[in-house]
């Protein structure tokens, strides 16, 4: 059984590509609604796309509770790393 590790740099690249913004704008301390410039619906949409990429399940309610990119990354990282791949 393998567990996938999700680095912050990988997460930055995915979010950068999905939102069409520079990777350098995506920092752990970035406040999602102010610094990144997306609203709660945008965050839920982003989360939906990330779910498909990593084949994980995130509740929309838990997504809108995060304030920073770092908090969002940690939540996604935990879900990705808890998912066990058989192979």
C-alpha atoms as a PDB file:
ATOM      1  CA  UNK A   1       0.000   0.000   0.000  1.00  0.00           C
ATOM      2  CA  UNK A   2       1.305   3.419  -0.936  1.00  0.00           C
ATOM      3  CA  UNK A   3       0.376   6.723   0.565  1.00  0.00           C
ATOM      4  CA  UNK A   4       0.648   9.784  -1.643  1.00  0.00           C
ATOM      5  CA  UNK A   5       2.494  12.785  -0.269  1.00  0.00           C
ATOM      6  CA  UNK A   6       1.212  16.180  -1.334  1.00  0.00           C
ATOM      7  CA  UNK A   7       3.806  18.934  -1.222  1.00  0.00           C
ATOM      8  CA  UNK A   8       2.857  22.584  -0.945  1.00  0.00           C
ATOM      9  CA  UNK A   9       4.649  23.271  -4.231  1.00  0.00           C
ATOM     10  CA  UNK A  10       2.502  20.680  -6.023  1.00  0.00           C
ATOM     11  CA  UNK A  11      -0.592  22.201  -4.436  1.00  0.00           C
ATOM     12  CA  UNK A  12       0.536  25.691  -5.547  1.00  0.00           C
ATOM     13  CA  UNK A  13       0.896  24.509  -9.138  1.00  0.00           C
ATOM     14  CA  UNK A  14      -2.541  22.867  -9.159  1.00  0.00           C
ATOM     15  CA  UNK A  15      -4.253  25.922  -7.646  1.00  0.00           C
ATOM     16  CA  UNK A  16      -2.325  28.255  -9.948  1.00  0.00           C
ATOM     17  CA  UNK A  17      -3.441  26.309 -13.011  1.00  0.00           C
ATOM     18  CA  UNK A  18      -7.045  26.031 -11.868  1.00  0.00           C
ATOM     19  CA  UNK A  19      -7.384  29.721 -10.971  1.00  0.00           C
ATOM     20  CA  UNK A  20      -5.168  31.118 -13.718  1.00  0.00           C
ATOM     21  CA  UNK A  21      -2.953  33.071 -11.322  1.00  0.00           C
ATOM     22  CA  UNK A  22       0.793  33.081 -10.763  1.00  0.00           C
ATOM     23  CA  UNK A  23       2.188  30.382  -8.476  1.00  0.00           C
ATOM     24  CA  UNK A  24       4.066  33.097  -6.567  1.00  0.00           C
ATOM     25  CA  UNK A  25       0.725  34.619  -5.486  1.00  0.00           C
ATOM     26  CA  UNK A  26      -0.218  31.419  -3.668  1.00  0.00           C
ATOM     27  CA  UNK A  27       1.409  31.448  -0.229  1.00  0.00           C
ATOM     28  CA  UNK A  28       0.454  29.552   2.905  1.00  0.00           C
ATOM     29  CA  UNK A  29      -0.398  32.815   4.667  1.00  0.00           C
ATOM     30  CA  UNK A  30      -2.487  34.149   1.756  1.00  0.00           C
ATOM     31  CA  UNK A  31      -6.039  34.911   2.848  1.00  0.00           C
ATOM     32  CA  UNK A  32      -8.248  33.193   0.300  1.00  0.00           C
ATOM     33  CA  UNK A  33     -10.986  35.798   0.011  1.00  0.00           C
ATOM     34  CA  UNK A  34      -8.728  38.870   0.102  1.00  0.00           C
ATOM     35  CA  UNK A  35      -5.309  37.897  -1.270  1.00  0.00           C
ATOM     36  CA  UNK A  36      -6.412  35.272  -3.799  1.00  0.00           C
ATOM     37  CA  UNK A  37      -9.608  37.102  -4.677  1.00  0.00           C
ATOM     38  CA  UNK A  38     -12.122  34.290  -4.793  1.00  0.00           C
ATOM     39  CA  UNK A  39     -15.381  34.114  -2.886  1.00  0.00           C
ATOM     40  CA  UNK A  40     -16.902  31.159  -1.018  1.00  0.00           C
ATOM     41  CA  UNK A  41     -18.561  29.818  -4.180  1.00  0.00           C
ATOM     42  CA  UNK A  42     -15.240  30.072  -6.010  1.00  0.00           C
ATOM     43  CA  UNK A  43     -13.569  28.159  -3.201  1.00  0.00           C
ATOM     44  CA  UNK A  44     -16.198  25.416  -3.372  1.00  0.00           C
ATOM     45  CA  UNK A  45     -15.681  25.221  -7.158  1.00  0.00           C
ATOM     46  CA  UNK A  46     -11.933  25.017  -6.643  1.00  0.00           C
ATOM     47  CA  UNK A  47     -12.449  22.280  -4.058  1.00  0.00           C
ATOM     48  CA  UNK A  48     -14.648  20.343  -6.479  1.00  0.00           C
ATOM     49  CA  UNK A  49     -11.919  20.427  -9.121  1.00  0.00           C
ATOM     50  CA  UNK A  50      -9.285  19.380  -6.568  1.00  0.00           C
ATOM     51  CA  UNK A  51     -11.500  16.473  -5.487  1.00  0.00           C
ATOM     52  CA  UNK A  52     -11.507  15.184  -9.059  1.00  0.00           C
ATOM     53  CA  UNK A  53      -7.741  15.558  -9.436  1.00  0.00           C
ATOM     54  CA  UNK A  54      -6.876  13.732  -6.209  1.00  0.00           C
ATOM     55  CA  UNK A  55      -9.940  11.458  -6.058  1.00  0.00           C
ATOM     56  CA  UNK A  56     -10.893  12.597  -2.565  1.00  0.00           C
ATOM     57  CA  UNK A  57     -14.118  13.809  -0.982  1.00  0.00           C
ATOM     58  CA  UNK A  58     -14.432  17.205   0.699  1.00  0.00           C
ATOM     59  CA  UNK A  59     -17.634  18.582   2.178  1.00  0.00           C
ATOM     60  CA  UNK A  60     -18.531  22.059   0.864  1.00  0.00           C
ATOM     61  CA  UNK A  61     -19.196  23.183   4.441  1.00  0.00           C
ATOM     62  CA  UNK A  62     -15.636  22.357   5.506  1.00  0.00           C
ATOM     63  CA  UNK A  63     -14.193  24.175   2.487  1.00  0.00           C
ATOM     64  CA  UNK A  64     -15.815  27.491   3.314  1.00  0.00           C
ATOM     65  CA  UNK A  65     -14.475  27.339   6.885  1.00  0.00           C
ATOM     66  CA  UNK A  66     -10.843  27.741   5.794  1.00  0.00           C
ATOM     67  CA  UNK A  67      -9.406  31.246   5.738  1.00  0.00           C
ATOM     68  CA  UNK A  68      -5.888  30.845   4.357  1.00  0.00           C
ATOM     69  CA  UNK A  69      -4.290  28.870   1.561  1.00  0.00           C
ATOM     70  CA  UNK A  70      -2.243  27.077   4.234  1.00  0.00           C
ATOM     71  CA  UNK A  71      -5.383  25.869   6.016  1.00  0.00           C
ATOM     72  CA  UNK A  72      -6.881  24.733   2.702  1.00  0.00           C
ATOM     73  CA  UNK A  73      -3.627  22.953   1.763  1.00  0.00           C
ATOM     74  CA  UNK A  74      -3.461  21.180   5.142  1.00  0.00           C
ATOM     75  CA  UNK A  75      -7.049  19.959   4.791  1.00  0.00           C
ATOM     76  CA  UNK A  76      -6.419  18.646   1.264  1.00  0.00           C
ATOM     77  CA  UNK A  77      -3.031  17.173   2.240  1.00  0.00           C
ATOM     78  CA  UNK A  78      -4.598  15.239   5.117  1.00  0.00           C
ATOM     79  CA  UNK A  79      -7.300  13.795   2.860  1.00  0.00           C
ATOM     80  CA  UNK A  80      -4.809  12.864   0.128  1.00  0.00           C
ATOM     81  CA  UNK A  81      -2.393  11.243   2.561  1.00  0.00           C
ATOM     82  CA  UNK A  82      -5.146   9.317   4.360  1.00  0.00           C
ATOM     83  CA  UNK A  83      -6.275   7.833   1.077  1.00  0.00           C
ATOM     84  CA  UNK A  84      -4.541   4.504   0.645  1.00  0.00           C
ATOM     85  CA  UNK A  85      -3.795   3.242  -2.820  1.00  0.00           C
ATOM     86  CA  UNK A  86      -3.714  -0.481  -3.470  1.00  0.00           C
ATOM     87  CA  UNK A  87      -1.079  -1.532  -5.917  1.00  0.00           C
END
